[in-house]
Protein backbone atom coordinates (compact mmCIF):
# COMPACT_ATOMS: atom_id res chain seq x y z
CA MET A 1 -4.95 -5.29 14.34
CA THR A 2 -7.10 -2.32 15.09
CA ILE A 3 -8.03 0.65 13.03
CA ILE A 4 -5.75 2.69 15.23
CA SER A 5 -2.67 0.41 14.44
CA TRP A 6 -3.15 0.44 10.75
CA ILE A 7 -3.48 4.35 10.80
CA ILE A 8 -0.05 4.21 12.60
CA LEU A 9 1.14 1.72 10.06
CA GLY A 10 -0.22 3.56 7.38
CA LEU A 11 1.64 7.08 8.92
CA LEU A 12 4.76 4.92 8.82
CA ALA A 13 4.29 3.26 5.39
CA GLY A 14 3.52 6.46 4.25
CA ALA A 15 6.92 8.08 5.41
CA ILE A 16 8.80 4.92 4.17
CA ALA A 17 7.31 5.58 0.86
CA LYS A 18 8.15 9.50 0.48
CA PHE A 19 11.32 8.37 1.59
CA LEU A 20 11.71 5.93 -1.17
CA LEU A 21 10.20 8.45 -3.91
CA PRO A 22 11.97 11.48 -2.88
CA GLY A 23 10.30 14.89 -4.66
CA ARG A 24 7.97 16.92 -4.67
CA ASP A 25 4.44 15.76 -3.80
CA PRO A 26 1.20 18.11 -5.34
CA GLY A 27 -0.42 17.42 -1.46
CA GLY A 28 2.89 17.98 0.71
CA PHE A 29 3.04 16.25 4.23
CA ILE A 30 -0.48 16.22 4.64
CA GLY A 31 -1.46 14.15 1.08
CA THR A 32 1.76 12.23 1.76
CA THR A 33 0.22 11.06 5.06
CA LEU A 34 -3.34 10.24 3.74
CA ILE A 35 -1.95 8.41 0.60
CA GLY A 36 0.03 6.06 3.38
CA ILE A 37 -3.04 5.42 5.64
CA ALA A 38 -4.71 4.56 2.40
CA GLY A 39 -2.13 2.61 1.30
CA ALA A 40 -1.86 0.55 4.42
CA PHE A 41 -5.94 -0.31 3.99
CA ILE A 42 -5.63 -1.18 0.35
CA GLY A 43 -2.52 -3.02 0.37
CA GLY A 44 -3.73 -5.02 3.40
CA TRP A 45 -7.03 -5.86 1.62
CA ILE A 46 -5.20 -6.99 -1.58
CA SER A 47 -2.85 -9.24 0.47
CA SER A 48 -5.73 -10.50 2.23
CA ARG A 49 -7.50 -10.86 -0.37
CA TRP A 50 -5.94 -11.92 -3.12
CA LEU A 51 -2.48 -13.19 -2.02
CA ASP A 52 -3.72 -15.56 0.58
CA HIS A 53 -2.13 -13.88 3.42
CA PRO A 54 -4.50 -13.05 6.06
CA ILE A 55 -4.36 -9.91 8.10
CA THR A 56 -2.42 -10.97 10.77
CA LYS A 57 -2.71 -9.72 14.92
CA ASN A 58 0.85 -8.85 14.97
CA PHE A 59 1.72 -5.42 14.29
CA TYR A 60 5.31 -6.46 13.64
CA ASP A 61 4.64 -8.61 10.77
CA GLY A 62 7.32 -8.29 7.85
CA ALA A 63 3.74 -8.92 4.88
CA THR A 64 2.04 -6.80 6.49
CA TRP A 65 4.43 -3.96 6.59
CA ALA A 66 5.24 -4.85 2.98
CA ALA A 67 1.79 -4.97 1.84
CA ALA A 68 1.02 -1.53 3.58
CA ILE A 69 4.65 -0.10 2.13
CA GLY A 70 3.49 -1.12 -1.44
CA GLY A 71 -0.10 0.16 -1.46
CA SER A 72 1.70 3.65 -0.05
CA LEU A 73 4.02 3.47 -3.13
CA VAL A 74 1.45 2.49 -5.83
CA LEU A 75 -1.43 5.23 -4.65
CA LEU A 76 1.91 8.00 -4.50
CA ILE A 77 3.04 7.04 -7.90
CA VAL A 78 -0.56 7.37 -9.34
CA TYR A 79 -1.17 10.58 -7.39
CA ARG A 80 1.58 11.87 -8.72
CA ILE A 81 1.11 11.20 -12.76
CA LEU A 82 -2.67 12.59 -12.26
CA PHE A 83 -2.20 15.44 -10.21
CA GLY A 84 1.79 15.94 -10.43
CA ASN A 85 1.57 19.19 -12.81
CA SER A 86 -0.54 20.77 -10.83
CA ARG A 87 2.07 22.32 -8.20
CA ASN A 88 5.06 23.65 -10.21
């Protein structure tokens, strides 16, 4: 997959993570989108590095999507823990 496809995957993964974890985010839509993109990259890296699932060239691979959404969820939770009280 190319960088563009990882960015698109990250945008979609961020939206899915936001859907799975509703509520107010300190960064709003832009912050959640950036977290989704970073989560896709981190999830894909962790998947290929430690889980022995190489990054495929297929955009529709379920394991790649699961890694991207999982990475986005983890980053969104960490972001809410660190900066959640700053926006009341």
